[in-house]
């Protein structure tokens, strides 16, 4: 019984070091006719340095507000297909150098032709 508990306790920290998520918008989302997208980027371990965020290749990191282990923003988006990417270094007790590079991508679409304004 004690051996099983030890294994569970070891697995939880290992998986907690590797999570970076963008949602909303979910990857593959079709958002209809919107001009602003509210987005949240969250992570499960301490951010080491800065969070890099791009929308369609343009740096939008300065538009995000970081609070704890999440960053939020309301981004202006024209109609069409978009790619939101986030990356950063996060603390990791078992990694070389004590940190781990993570990235996440969300591709979504806004479409006013089929949804009306």
C-alpha atoms as a PDB file:
ATOM      1  CA  UNK A   1       0.000   0.000   0.000  1.00  0.00           C
ATOM      2  CA  UNK A   2       2.752   2.470   0.881  1.00  0.00           C
ATOM      3  CA  UNK A   3       4.622   1.718  -2.330  1.00  0.00           C
ATOM      4  CA  UNK A   4       1.558   2.610  -4.433  1.00  0.00           C
ATOM      5  CA  UNK A   5       1.156   5.932  -2.622  1.00  0.00           C
ATOM      6  CA  UNK A   6       4.821   6.785  -3.246  1.00  0.00           C
ATOM      7  CA  UNK A   7       4.401   6.163  -6.974  1.00  0.00           C
ATOM      8  CA  UNK A   8       1.338   8.403  -7.179  1.00  0.00           C
ATOM      9  CA  UNK A   9       3.113  11.224  -5.342  1.00  0.00           C
ATOM     10  CA  UNK A  10       6.045  10.971  -7.761  1.00  0.00           C
ATOM     11  CA  UNK A  11       3.850  11.041 -10.878  1.00  0.00           C
ATOM     12  CA  UNK A  12       1.929  14.188  -9.893  1.00  0.00           C
ATOM     13  CA  UNK A  13       4.994  16.519  -9.783  1.00  0.00           C
ATOM     14  CA  UNK A  14       6.387  15.082 -13.011  1.00  0.00           C
ATOM     15  CA  UNK A  15       3.235  15.810 -14.989  1.00  0.00           C
ATOM     16  CA  UNK A  16       2.707  19.177 -13.293  1.00  0.00           C
ATOM     17  CA  UNK A  17       5.963  20.477 -14.806  1.00  0.00           C
ATOM     18  CA  UNK A  18       4.801  20.152 -18.388  1.00  0.00           C
ATOM     19  CA  UNK A  19       1.498  21.978 -18.823  1.00  0.00           C
ATOM     20  CA  UNK A  20       0.910  25.147 -20.872  1.00  0.00           C
ATOM     21  CA  UNK A  21      -2.598  25.679 -22.251  1.00  0.00           C
ATOM     22  CA  UNK A  22      -4.408  28.246 -24.400  1.00  0.00           C
ATOM     23  CA  UNK A  23      -8.171  28.305 -23.877  1.00  0.00           C
ATOM     24  CA  UNK A  24     -10.208  30.064 -24.984  1.00  0.00           C
ATOM     25  CA  UNK A  25     -10.053  29.950 -27.912  1.00  0.00           C
ATOM     26  CA  UNK A  26      -9.821  26.189 -28.203  1.00  0.00           C
ATOM     27  CA  UNK A  27      -7.686  24.844 -31.021  1.00  0.00           C
ATOM     28  CA  UNK A  28      -9.900  24.528 -34.111  1.00  0.00           C
ATOM     29  CA  UNK A  29     -12.596  26.882 -32.793  1.00  0.00           C
ATOM     30  CA  UNK A  30     -14.910  28.694 -35.202  1.00  0.00           C
ATOM     31  CA  UNK A  31     -15.836  31.887 -33.357  1.00  0.00           C
ATOM     32  CA  UNK A  32     -18.318  33.423 -35.767  1.00  0.00           C
ATOM     33  CA  UNK A  33     -18.319  37.157 -36.343  1.00  0.00           C
ATOM     34  CA  UNK A  34     -16.196  38.672 -33.573  1.00  0.00           C
ATOM     35  CA  UNK A  35     -13.751  41.560 -33.569  1.00  0.00           C
ATOM     36  CA  UNK A  36     -12.181  40.818 -30.179  1.00  0.00           C
ATOM     37  CA  UNK A  37     -11.151  37.461 -28.746  1.00  0.00           C
ATOM     38  CA  UNK A  38     -10.849  36.997 -24.992  1.00  0.00           C
ATOM     39  CA  UNK A  39      -8.095  34.514 -24.324  1.00  0.00           C
ATOM     40  CA  UNK A  40      -6.433  32.839 -21.366  1.00  0.00           C
ATOM     41  CA  UNK A  41      -3.051  31.148 -21.224  1.00  0.00           C
ATOM     42  CA  UNK A  42      -2.427  29.032 -18.132  1.00  0.00           C
ATOM     43  CA  UNK A  43       0.451  26.954 -16.784  1.00  0.00           C
ATOM     44  CA  UNK A  44       1.103  24.623 -13.865  1.00  0.00           C
ATOM     45  CA  UNK A  45       4.579  25.613 -12.671  1.00  0.00           C
ATOM     46  CA  UNK A  46       6.412  28.885 -12.062  1.00  0.00           C
ATOM     47  CA  UNK A  47       7.189  31.026 -15.098  1.00  0.00           C
ATOM     48  CA  UNK A  48      10.917  31.750 -15.324  1.00  0.00           C
ATOM     49  CA  UNK A  49      11.388  35.054 -17.173  1.00  0.00           C
ATOM     50  CA  UNK A  50       8.869  36.305 -19.702  1.00  0.00           C
ATOM     51  CA  UNK A  51       5.938  34.771 -21.522  1.00  0.00           C
ATOM     52  CA  UNK A  52       6.173  35.107 -25.316  1.00  0.00           C
ATOM     53  CA  UNK A  53       2.853  35.407 -27.156  1.00  0.00           C
ATOM     54  CA  UNK A  54       2.229  35.961 -30.859  1.00  0.00           C
ATOM     55  CA  UNK A  55      -0.960  36.305 -32.879  1.00  0.00           C
ATOM     56  CA  UNK A  56      -0.405  35.506 -36.554  1.00  0.00           C
ATOM     57  CA  UNK A  57       3.334  36.089 -36.048  1.00  0.00           C
ATOM     58  CA  UNK A  58       2.974  39.511 -34.380  1.00  0.00           C
ATOM     59  CA  UNK A  59       4.103  39.991 -30.780  1.00  0.00           C
ATOM     60  CA  UNK A  60       1.060  40.578 -28.545  1.00  0.00           C
ATOM     61  CA  UNK A  61       2.632  39.640 -25.188  1.00  0.00           C
ATOM     62  CA  UNK A  62       2.359  43.227 -23.884  1.00  0.00           C
ATOM     63  CA  UNK A  63      -1.453  42.980 -24.163  1.00  0.00           C
ATOM     64  CA  UNK A  64      -1.591  40.173 -21.582  1.00  0.00           C
ATOM     65  CA  UNK A  65      -2.007  40.632 -17.850  1.00  0.00           C
ATOM     66  CA  UNK A  66      -0.313  37.946 -15.761  1.00  0.00           C
ATOM     67  CA  UNK A  67      -1.960  36.952 -12.502  1.00  0.00           C
ATOM     68  CA  UNK A  68      -0.463  33.939 -10.735  1.00  0.00           C
ATOM     69  CA  UNK A  69      -0.210  31.066 -13.188  1.00  0.00           C
ATOM     70  CA  UNK A  70      -2.360  32.582 -15.929  1.00  0.00           C
ATOM     71  CA  UNK A  71      -2.322  35.434 -18.426  1.00  0.00           C
ATOM     72  CA  UNK A  72      -5.413  37.006 -19.966  1.00  0.00           C
ATOM     73  CA  UNK A  73      -6.080  39.461 -22.787  1.00  0.00           C
ATOM     74  CA  UNK A  74      -8.734  40.681 -25.167  1.00  0.00           C
ATOM     75  CA  UNK A  75      -7.168  40.697 -28.640  1.00  0.00           C
ATOM     76  CA  UNK A  76      -8.351  42.524 -31.758  1.00  0.00           C
ATOM     77  CA  UNK A  77      -8.765  40.076 -34.629  1.00  0.00           C
ATOM     78  CA  UNK A  78      -9.769  40.680 -38.240  1.00  0.00           C
ATOM     79  CA  UNK A  79     -11.957  38.169 -40.037  1.00  0.00           C
ATOM     80  CA  UNK A  80     -10.122  35.026 -41.117  1.00  0.00           C
ATOM     81  CA  UNK A  81      -7.895  32.245 -39.823  1.00  0.00           C
ATOM     82  CA  UNK A  82      -5.598  32.951 -36.882  1.00  0.00           C
ATOM     83  CA  UNK A  83      -2.772  31.297 -34.970  1.00  0.00           C
ATOM     84  CA  UNK A  84      -2.117  32.190 -31.329  1.00  0.00           C
ATOM     85  CA  UNK A  85       1.178  30.876 -29.946  1.00  0.00           C
ATOM     86  CA  UNK A  86       2.593  31.076 -26.428  1.00  0.00           C
ATOM     87  CA  UNK A  87       5.928  29.933 -25.036  1.00  0.00           C
ATOM     88  CA  UNK A  88       8.126  30.389 -22.009  1.00  0.00           C
ATOM     89  CA  UNK A  89      10.555  28.778 -19.594  1.00  0.00           C
ATOM     90  CA  UNK A  90       8.986  27.149 -16.564  1.00  0.00           C
ATOM     91  CA  UNK A  91      10.524  25.798 -13.378  1.00  0.00           C
ATOM     92  CA  UNK A  92      11.191  22.084 -13.354  1.00  0.00           C
ATOM     93  CA  UNK A  93      13.022  20.473 -10.444  1.00  0.00           C
ATOM     94  CA  UNK A  94      14.202  17.445 -12.440  1.00  0.00           C
ATOM     95  CA  UNK A  95      15.261  19.267 -15.645  1.00  0.00           C
ATOM     96  CA  UNK A  96      18.795  20.293 -16.559  1.00  0.00           C
ATOM     97  CA  UNK A  97      19.220  23.930 -15.523  1.00  0.00           C
ATOM     98  CA  UNK A  98      16.035  23.817 -13.421  1.00  0.00           C
ATOM     99  CA  UNK A  99      13.698  24.988 -16.199  1.00  0.00           C
ATOM    100  CA  UNK A 100      11.845  23.596 -19.197  1.00  0.00           C
ATOM    101  CA  UNK A 101      10.773  25.337 -22.446  1.00  0.00           C
ATOM    102  CA  UNK A 102       7.084  24.869 -23.206  1.00  0.00           C
ATOM    103  CA  UNK A 103       4.921  26.113 -26.067  1.00  0.00           C
ATOM    104  CA  UNK A 104       1.244  25.940 -26.980  1.00  0.00           C
ATOM    105  CA  UNK A 105      -0.677  26.823 -30.137  1.00  0.00           C
ATOM    106  CA  UNK A 106      -4.334  27.542 -30.814  1.00  0.00           C
ATOM    107  CA  UNK A 107      -5.598  27.922 -34.372  1.00  0.00           C
ATOM    108  CA  UNK A 108      -9.051  29.471 -34.703  1.00  0.00           C
ATOM    109  CA  UNK A 109     -11.241  31.229 -37.238  1.00  0.00           C
ATOM    110  CA  UNK A 110     -13.537  34.242 -37.294  1.00  0.00           C
ATOM    111  CA  UNK A 111     -16.156  34.397 -40.054  1.00  0.00           C
ATOM    112  CA  UNK A 112     -18.692  37.200 -40.587  1.00  0.00           C
ATOM    113  CA  UNK A 113     -19.989  35.926 -43.929  1.00  0.00           C
ATOM    114  CA  UNK A 114     -21.846  32.953 -42.466  1.00  0.00           C
ATOM    115  CA  UNK A 115     -22.871  34.329 -39.081  1.00  0.00           C
ATOM    116  CA  UNK A 116     -24.027  37.911 -39.682  1.00  0.00           C
ATOM    117  CA  UNK A 117     -22.959  40.908 -37.553  1.00  0.00           C
END
